Amino acid sequence: VPALAIRRPTAIVDADPKVTERARKVIEHLAASKSPAGLSESERKRFTPQWITIVADEINSAGPLGSVELLAHSSDGDSKSFRYRFRFQNETIILSLKLGATETIEHLGISLE
């Protein structure tokens, strides 16, 4: 039934390709079982080696990356939030990124779409 179909968010214009490139690097680091550069202290504590291994397995089982789309961008004072859709061959991953005043990654969220 089309009325019950899940509507996926539409991509928006990417006005900050440097942040998009940074998001790509985050996914690349995680896929290589490495902690992403620039995590805040609290995020470094959350992204333990065990957690990174789980995330790496998920990313690596998703197949080759096809595209990256910016879904949302917002600012709140000194912080900026971004949400991306990473379309892999076998899976779609949503990455949420919140950057603080010093461009440190204050929050990093990863989920399947």
Protein backbone atom coordinates (compact mmCIF):
# COMPACT_ATOMS: atom_id res chain seq x y z
CA VAL A 1 0.00 0.00 0.00
CA PRO A 2 1.75 3.21 -1.16
CA ALA A 3 0.22 5.34 1.62
CA LEU A 4 1.95 3.18 4.22
CA ALA A 5 5.34 3.21 2.52
CA ILE A 6 8.18 4.72 4.53
CA ARG A 7 9.19 8.09 3.12
CA ARG A 8 12.90 8.55 3.17
CA PRO A 9 14.21 12.08 3.74
CA THR A 10 15.17 13.97 0.61
CA ALA A 11 18.78 15.06 0.17
CA ILE A 12 19.50 18.79 0.45
CA VAL A 13 22.13 20.98 -1.17
CA ASP A 14 25.53 20.48 0.42
CA ALA A 15 26.78 23.97 1.28
CA ASP A 16 29.74 22.70 3.31
CA PRO A 17 31.61 19.99 1.36
CA LYS A 18 34.51 20.07 3.86
CA VAL A 19 32.22 18.65 6.55
CA THR A 20 30.93 16.05 4.10
CA GLU A 21 34.51 15.02 3.39
CA ARG A 22 35.09 14.79 7.12
CA ALA A 23 32.02 12.55 7.46
CA ARG A 24 33.44 10.32 4.71
CA LYS A 25 36.72 10.10 6.65
CA VAL A 26 34.80 9.11 9.79
CA ILE A 27 33.20 6.20 7.91
CA GLU A 28 36.56 5.24 6.37
CA HIS A 29 38.26 5.21 9.78
CA LEU A 30 35.48 3.16 11.33
CA ALA A 31 35.51 0.69 8.42
CA ALA A 32 39.25 0.27 9.04
CA SER A 33 38.54 -0.40 12.75
CA LYS A 34 40.11 2.92 13.73
CA SER A 35 38.78 5.63 16.00
CA PRO A 36 37.76 8.69 13.95
CA ALA A 37 39.97 11.76 14.31
CA GLY A 38 38.64 14.75 16.21
CA LEU A 39 36.32 13.02 18.68
CA SER A 40 35.60 14.85 21.91
CA GLU A 41 36.73 13.21 25.14
CA SER A 42 33.23 11.90 25.86
CA GLU A 43 32.89 10.43 22.36
CA ARG A 44 36.32 8.79 22.61
CA LYS A 45 35.04 7.02 25.73
CA ARG A 46 31.92 5.84 23.88
CA PHE A 47 33.80 4.55 20.84
CA THR A 48 35.65 1.71 22.52
CA PRO A 49 37.67 -0.77 20.45
CA GLN A 50 34.88 -3.34 20.89
CA TRP A 51 32.23 -0.89 19.64
CA ILE A 52 34.39 0.19 16.71
CA THR A 53 34.83 -3.48 15.71
CA ILE A 54 31.06 -3.97 15.66
CA VAL A 55 30.57 -0.82 13.56
CA ALA A 56 33.42 -1.82 11.22
CA ASP A 57 31.83 -5.22 10.61
CA GLU A 58 28.51 -3.57 9.73
CA ILE A 59 30.11 -1.03 7.36
CA ASN A 60 32.27 -3.65 5.68
CA SER A 61 29.32 -5.98 5.12
CA ALA A 62 27.40 -3.13 3.43
CA GLY A 63 29.41 -3.46 0.21
CA PRO A 64 30.95 -0.65 -1.86
CA LEU A 65 29.91 2.93 -1.16
CA GLY A 66 27.72 4.38 -3.89
CA SER A 67 26.89 7.90 -2.69
CA VAL A 68 26.78 10.27 0.26
CA GLU A 69 23.83 12.63 0.68
CA LEU A 70 23.34 15.48 3.13
CA LEU A 71 19.90 15.13 4.71
CA ALA A 72 19.93 17.91 7.30
CA HIS A 73 22.05 20.74 8.64
CA SER A 74 21.40 23.03 11.58
CA SER A 75 23.24 25.42 13.86
CA ASP A 76 22.70 26.14 17.52
CA GLY A 77 25.05 28.74 18.93
CA ASP A 78 28.60 27.52 18.39
CA SER A 79 27.61 23.97 17.45
CA LYS A 80 26.58 22.63 14.06
CA SER A 81 24.73 19.40 13.35
CA PHE A 82 24.71 17.38 10.13
CA ARG A 83 22.93 14.21 9.08
CA TYR A 84 24.13 12.16 6.12
CA ARG A 85 22.91 9.13 4.22
CA PHE A 86 25.66 6.76 3.07
CA ARG A 87 24.27 4.51 0.33
CA PHE A 88 26.24 1.30 0.10
CA GLN A 89 25.49 -1.53 -2.30
CA ASN A 90 23.81 -3.71 0.35
CA GLU A 91 22.80 -1.25 3.08
CA THR A 92 22.14 2.41 3.82
CA ILE A 93 23.77 3.98 6.86
CA ILE A 94 22.76 7.24 8.51
CA LEU A 95 25.53 9.24 10.17
CA SER A 96 24.75 12.12 12.53
CA LEU A 97 27.56 14.49 13.37
CA LYS A 98 27.57 17.37 15.86
CA LEU A 99 30.55 19.68 15.77
CA GLY A 100 31.43 21.97 18.66
CA ALA A 101 32.92 25.47 18.55
CA THR A 102 36.42 24.07 17.98
CA GLU A 103 35.18 21.63 15.28
CA THR A 104 35.51 18.72 17.70
CA ILE A 105 33.01 15.92 17.11
CA GLU A 106 30.78 16.29 20.17
CA HIS A 107 28.35 13.59 19.06
CA LEU A 108 28.62 10.84 16.47
CA GLY A 109 25.58 8.71 15.74
CA ILE A 110 25.42 5.78 13.35
CA SER A 111 22.34 3.80 12.41
CA LEU A 112 20.85 1.80 9.58
CA GLU A 113 18.14 3.39 7.46
